[in-house]
Amino acid sequence: MSPSTTVQDLPTNRLYALPDILSRGKFSKSHLYNLVARGHFPQPVLRMGPRFTRWSAERCDEWFSDPQGWIDARARAAQAELT
């Protein structure tokens, strides 16, 4: 890290594990995977077997800040791809 680089300048590649998301969202594991399957929650970015799944913290934080806005933005993007 150069002397002019600050912590805020570094990329954030944090990952959330399943318990992190479930405790923050206050919903069940099956509900989370249902949201993912319907495209209403970010897809996992890392899967290494059935017991090791991680999500991008940045994408999850976006969803937690405005779930309906995130879903609507995804729907608009999908619609724009079709036209």
N, C-alpha and C. Protein backbone atom coordinates (compact mmCIF):
# COMPACT_ATOMS: atom_id res chain seq x y z
N MET A 1 0.84 -1.16 0.00
CA MET A 1 0.00 0.00 0.00
C MET A 1 0.89 1.23 0.00
N SER A 2 0.64 2.13 -0.92
CA SER A 2 1.44 3.34 -1.01
C SER A 2 1.03 4.31 0.10
N PRO A 3 1.90 5.28 0.42
CA PRO A 3 1.58 6.22 1.49
C PRO A 3 0.31 7.03 1.23
N SER A 4 -0.05 7.25 -0.04
CA SER A 4 -1.23 8.06 -0.33
C SER A 4 -2.52 7.22 -0.37
N THR A 5 -2.41 5.89 -0.27
CA THR A 5 -3.58 5.03 -0.31
C THR A 5 -4.18 4.91 1.09
N THR A 6 -5.47 5.09 1.17
CA THR A 6 -6.16 4.97 2.45
C THR A 6 -6.96 3.68 2.46
N VAL A 7 -7.46 3.33 3.60
CA VAL A 7 -8.27 2.12 3.73
C VAL A 7 -9.52 2.23 2.87
N GLN A 8 -10.09 3.42 2.75
CA GLN A 8 -11.30 3.61 1.95
C GLN A 8 -11.03 3.37 0.47
N ASP A 9 -9.78 3.51 0.01
CA ASP A 9 -9.44 3.32 -1.40
C ASP A 9 -9.31 1.85 -1.77
N LEU A 10 -9.16 0.98 -0.79
CA LEU A 10 -8.97 -0.44 -1.07
C LEU A 10 -10.29 -1.08 -1.48
N PRO A 11 -10.25 -2.05 -2.40
CA PRO A 11 -11.49 -2.71 -2.79
C PRO A 11 -12.03 -3.54 -1.64
N THR A 12 -13.36 -3.60 -1.56
CA THR A 12 -13.97 -4.40 -0.51
C THR A 12 -14.50 -5.69 -1.15
N ASN A 13 -13.85 -6.76 -0.85
CA ASN A 13 -14.26 -8.06 -1.37
C ASN A 13 -14.75 -8.94 -0.22
N ARG A 14 -15.49 -8.34 0.68
CA ARG A 14 -15.99 -9.10 1.81
C ARG A 14 -17.07 -10.06 1.35
N LEU A 15 -17.17 -11.16 2.08
CA LEU A 15 -18.17 -12.17 1.79
C LEU A 15 -19.00 -12.45 3.03
N TYR A 16 -20.27 -12.73 2.82
CA TYR A 16 -21.16 -13.13 3.91
C TYR A 16 -21.42 -14.62 3.80
N ALA A 17 -21.40 -15.28 4.93
CA ALA A 17 -21.80 -16.68 5.01
C ALA A 17 -23.31 -16.73 5.29
N LEU A 18 -23.88 -17.91 5.15
CA LEU A 18 -25.32 -18.08 5.36
C LEU A 18 -25.78 -17.57 6.72
N PRO A 19 -25.11 -17.91 7.83
CA PRO A 19 -25.58 -17.40 9.13
C PRO A 19 -25.58 -15.87 9.22
N ASP A 20 -24.64 -15.22 8.54
CA ASP A 20 -24.60 -13.75 8.53
C ASP A 20 -25.87 -13.18 7.91
N ILE A 21 -26.28 -13.75 6.81
CA ILE A 21 -27.45 -13.26 6.09
C ILE A 21 -28.73 -13.59 6.86
N LEU A 22 -28.82 -14.80 7.38
CA LEU A 22 -30.03 -15.20 8.10
C LEU A 22 -30.24 -14.36 9.35
N SER A 23 -29.18 -14.06 10.07
CA SER A 23 -29.34 -13.26 11.29
C SER A 23 -29.69 -11.81 10.95
N ARG A 24 -29.14 -11.30 9.88
CA ARG A 24 -29.44 -9.92 9.50
C ARG A 24 -30.83 -9.79 8.91
N GLY A 25 -31.24 -10.79 8.13
CA GLY A 25 -32.53 -10.72 7.46
C GLY A 25 -33.69 -11.22 8.28
N LYS A 26 -33.41 -11.96 9.34
CA LYS A 26 -34.45 -12.51 10.20
C LYS A 26 -35.43 -13.39 9.42
N PHE A 27 -34.89 -14.16 8.47
CA PHE A 27 -35.72 -15.13 7.77
C PHE A 27 -35.02 -16.48 7.73
N SER A 28 -35.75 -17.51 7.31
CA SER A 28 -35.23 -18.87 7.33
C SER A 28 -34.35 -19.15 6.11
N LYS A 29 -33.61 -20.23 6.22
CA LYS A 29 -32.73 -20.67 5.13
C LYS A 29 -33.55 -20.98 3.88
N SER A 30 -34.68 -21.66 4.05
CA SER A 30 -35.50 -22.00 2.89
C SER A 30 -36.08 -20.75 2.22
N HIS A 31 -36.44 -19.75 3.02
CA HIS A 31 -36.96 -18.51 2.45
C HIS A 31 -35.87 -17.79 1.66
N LEU A 32 -34.65 -17.77 2.20
CA LEU A 32 -33.53 -17.14 1.48
C LEU A 32 -33.32 -17.81 0.13
N TYR A 33 -33.25 -19.14 0.11
CA TYR A 33 -33.02 -19.82 -1.16
C TYR A 33 -34.20 -19.68 -2.11
N ASN A 34 -35.40 -19.50 -1.59
CA ASN A 34 -36.56 -19.22 -2.43
C ASN A 34 -36.41 -17.85 -3.08
N LEU A 35 -35.97 -16.85 -2.30
CA LEU A 35 -35.72 -15.52 -2.86
C LEU A 35 -34.65 -15.56 -3.95
N VAL A 36 -33.57 -16.31 -3.70
CA VAL A 36 -32.50 -16.43 -4.68
C VAL A 36 -33.03 -17.07 -5.97
N ALA A 37 -33.81 -18.12 -5.83
CA ALA A 37 -34.34 -18.84 -7.00
C ALA A 37 -35.26 -17.95 -7.84
N ARG A 38 -36.00 -17.06 -7.19
CA ARG A 38 -36.90 -16.16 -7.92
C ARG A 38 -36.20 -14.91 -8.43
N GLY A 39 -34.92 -14.75 -8.11
CA GLY A 39 -34.18 -13.56 -8.53
C GLY A 39 -34.45 -12.35 -7.67
N HIS A 40 -34.95 -12.57 -6.45
CA HIS A 40 -35.27 -11.48 -5.54
C HIS A 40 -34.21 -11.28 -4.46
N PHE A 41 -33.10 -11.97 -4.58
CA PHE A 41 -31.96 -11.81 -3.68
C PHE A 41 -30.71 -12.14 -4.48
N PRO A 42 -29.59 -11.51 -4.19
CA PRO A 42 -28.37 -11.79 -4.96
C PRO A 42 -27.97 -13.26 -4.94
N GLN A 43 -27.45 -13.72 -6.06
CA GLN A 43 -26.94 -15.08 -6.17
C GLN A 43 -25.65 -15.21 -5.36
N PRO A 44 -25.37 -16.38 -4.84
CA PRO A 44 -24.07 -16.59 -4.20
C PRO A 44 -22.94 -16.40 -5.21
N VAL A 45 -21.82 -15.88 -4.75
CA VAL A 45 -20.68 -15.67 -5.64
C VAL A 45 -19.64 -16.78 -5.50
N LEU A 46 -19.77 -17.59 -4.46
CA LEU A 46 -18.80 -18.65 -4.22
C LEU A 46 -19.49 -19.87 -3.64
N ARG A 47 -19.36 -20.99 -4.34
CA ARG A 47 -19.90 -22.26 -3.85
C ARG A 47 -18.81 -23.29 -3.95
N MET A 48 -18.47 -23.87 -2.82
CA MET A 48 -17.45 -24.91 -2.79
C MET A 48 -18.02 -26.08 -1.99
N GLY A 49 -18.94 -26.78 -2.61
CA GLY A 49 -19.59 -27.89 -1.93
C GLY A 49 -20.91 -27.45 -1.31
N PRO A 50 -21.66 -28.40 -0.77
CA PRO A 50 -22.99 -28.09 -0.26
C PRO A 50 -22.99 -27.29 1.05
N ARG A 51 -21.87 -27.24 1.75
CA ARG A 51 -21.84 -26.56 3.04
C ARG A 51 -21.00 -25.29 3.05
N PHE A 52 -20.54 -24.86 1.90
CA PHE A 52 -19.71 -23.66 1.84
C PHE A 52 -20.23 -22.77 0.72
N THR A 53 -21.06 -21.81 1.10
CA THR A 53 -21.64 -20.86 0.15
C THR A 53 -21.42 -19.47 0.70
N ARG A 54 -21.01 -18.55 -0.16
CA ARG A 54 -20.75 -17.17 0.26
C ARG A 54 -21.39 -16.21 -0.73
N TRP A 55 -21.84 -15.09 -0.19
CA TRP A 55 -22.45 -14.03 -0.97
C TRP A 55 -21.60 -12.78 -0.88
N SER A 56 -21.63 -11.97 -1.93
CA SER A 56 -20.94 -10.69 -1.93
C SER A 56 -21.58 -9.78 -0.89
N ALA A 57 -20.78 -9.28 0.03
CA ALA A 57 -21.29 -8.39 1.07
C ALA A 57 -21.85 -7.11 0.46
N GLU A 58 -21.19 -6.62 -0.58
CA GLU A 58 -21.64 -5.38 -1.22
C GLU A 58 -23.04 -5.55 -1.82
N ARG A 59 -23.26 -6.64 -2.54
CA ARG A 59 -24.58 -6.88 -3.15
C ARG A 59 -25.65 -7.11 -2.09
N CYS A 60 -25.30 -7.86 -1.05
CA CYS A 60 -26.27 -8.10 0.03
C CYS A 60 -26.61 -6.82 0.77
N ASP A 61 -25.62 -5.98 1.01
CA ASP A 61 -25.87 -4.70 1.68
C ASP A 61 -26.79 -3.83 0.84
N GLU A 62 -26.62 -3.85 -0.48
CA GLU A 62 -27.53 -3.11 -1.36
C GLU A 62 -28.95 -3.62 -1.20
N TRP A 63 -29.10 -4.94 -1.15
CA TRP A 63 -30.43 -5.54 -1.01
C TRP A 63 -31.03 -5.17 0.34
N PHE A 64 -30.27 -5.30 1.42
CA PHE A 64 -30.79 -4.99 2.75
C PHE A 64 -31.15 -3.52 2.91
N SER A 65 -30.49 -2.63 2.19
CA SER A 65 -30.81 -1.21 2.31
C SER A 65 -32.14 -0.88 1.64
N ASP A 66 -32.51 -1.59 0.58
CA ASP A 66 -33.78 -1.35 -0.12
C ASP A 66 -34.18 -2.59 -0.92
N PRO A 67 -34.78 -3.58 -0.26
CA PRO A 67 -35.10 -4.84 -0.96
C PRO A 67 -35.99 -4.64 -2.19
N GLN A 68 -37.07 -3.88 -2.04
CA GLN A 68 -37.98 -3.70 -3.17
C GLN A 68 -37.33 -2.92 -4.29
N GLY A 69 -36.53 -1.94 -3.96
CA GLY A 69 -35.81 -1.18 -4.97
C GLY A 69 -34.83 -2.05 -5.74
N TRP A 70 -34.15 -2.97 -5.03
CA TRP A 70 -33.21 -3.89 -5.67
C TRP A 70 -33.95 -4.82 -6.63
N ILE A 71 -35.09 -5.34 -6.19
CA ILE A 71 -35.89 -6.24 -7.03
C ILE A 71 -36.40 -5.49 -8.26
N ASP A 72 -36.91 -4.27 -8.06
CA ASP A 72 -37.42 -3.48 -9.18
C ASP A 72 -36.32 -3.15 -10.19
N ALA A 73 -35.13 -2.81 -9.69
CA ALA A 73 -34.01 -2.50 -10.59
C ALA A 73 -33.63 -3.72 -11.42
N ARG A 74 -33.63 -4.90 -10.81
CA ARG A 74 -33.34 -6.14 -11.54
C ARG A 74 -34.41 -6.40 -12.60
N ALA A 75 -35.66 -6.15 -12.27
CA ALA A 75 -36.75 -6.37 -13.22
C ALA A 75 -36.62 -5.40 -14.41
N ARG A 76 -36.28 -4.13 -14.12
CA ARG A 76 -36.09 -3.16 -15.21
C ARG A 76 -34.92 -3.56 -16.10
N ALA A 77 -33.84 -4.04 -15.50
CA ALA A 77 -32.67 -4.47 -16.28
C ALA A 77 -33.02 -5.66 -17.17
N ALA A 78 -33.76 -6.60 -16.64
CA ALA A 78 -34.17 -7.77 -17.41
C ALA A 78 -35.09 -7.35 -18.56
N GLN A 79 -36.00 -6.42 -18.30
CA GLN A 79 -36.90 -5.93 -19.34
C GLN A 79 -36.12 -5.21 -20.43
N ALA A 80 -35.12 -4.43 -20.05
CA ALA A 80 -34.31 -3.69 -21.03
C ALA A 80 -33.53 -4.66 -21.92
N GLU A 81 -33.11 -5.78 -21.38
CA GLU A 81 -32.39 -6.78 -22.19
C GLU A 81 -33.29 -7.39 -23.25
N LEU A 82 -34.58 -7.49 -22.96
CA LEU A 82 -35.51 -8.09 -23.90
C LEU A 82 -35.84 -7.17 -25.06
N THR A 83 -35.70 -5.87 -24.87
CA THR A 83 -36.05 -4.94 -25.95
C THR A 83 -34.86 -4.46 -26.70
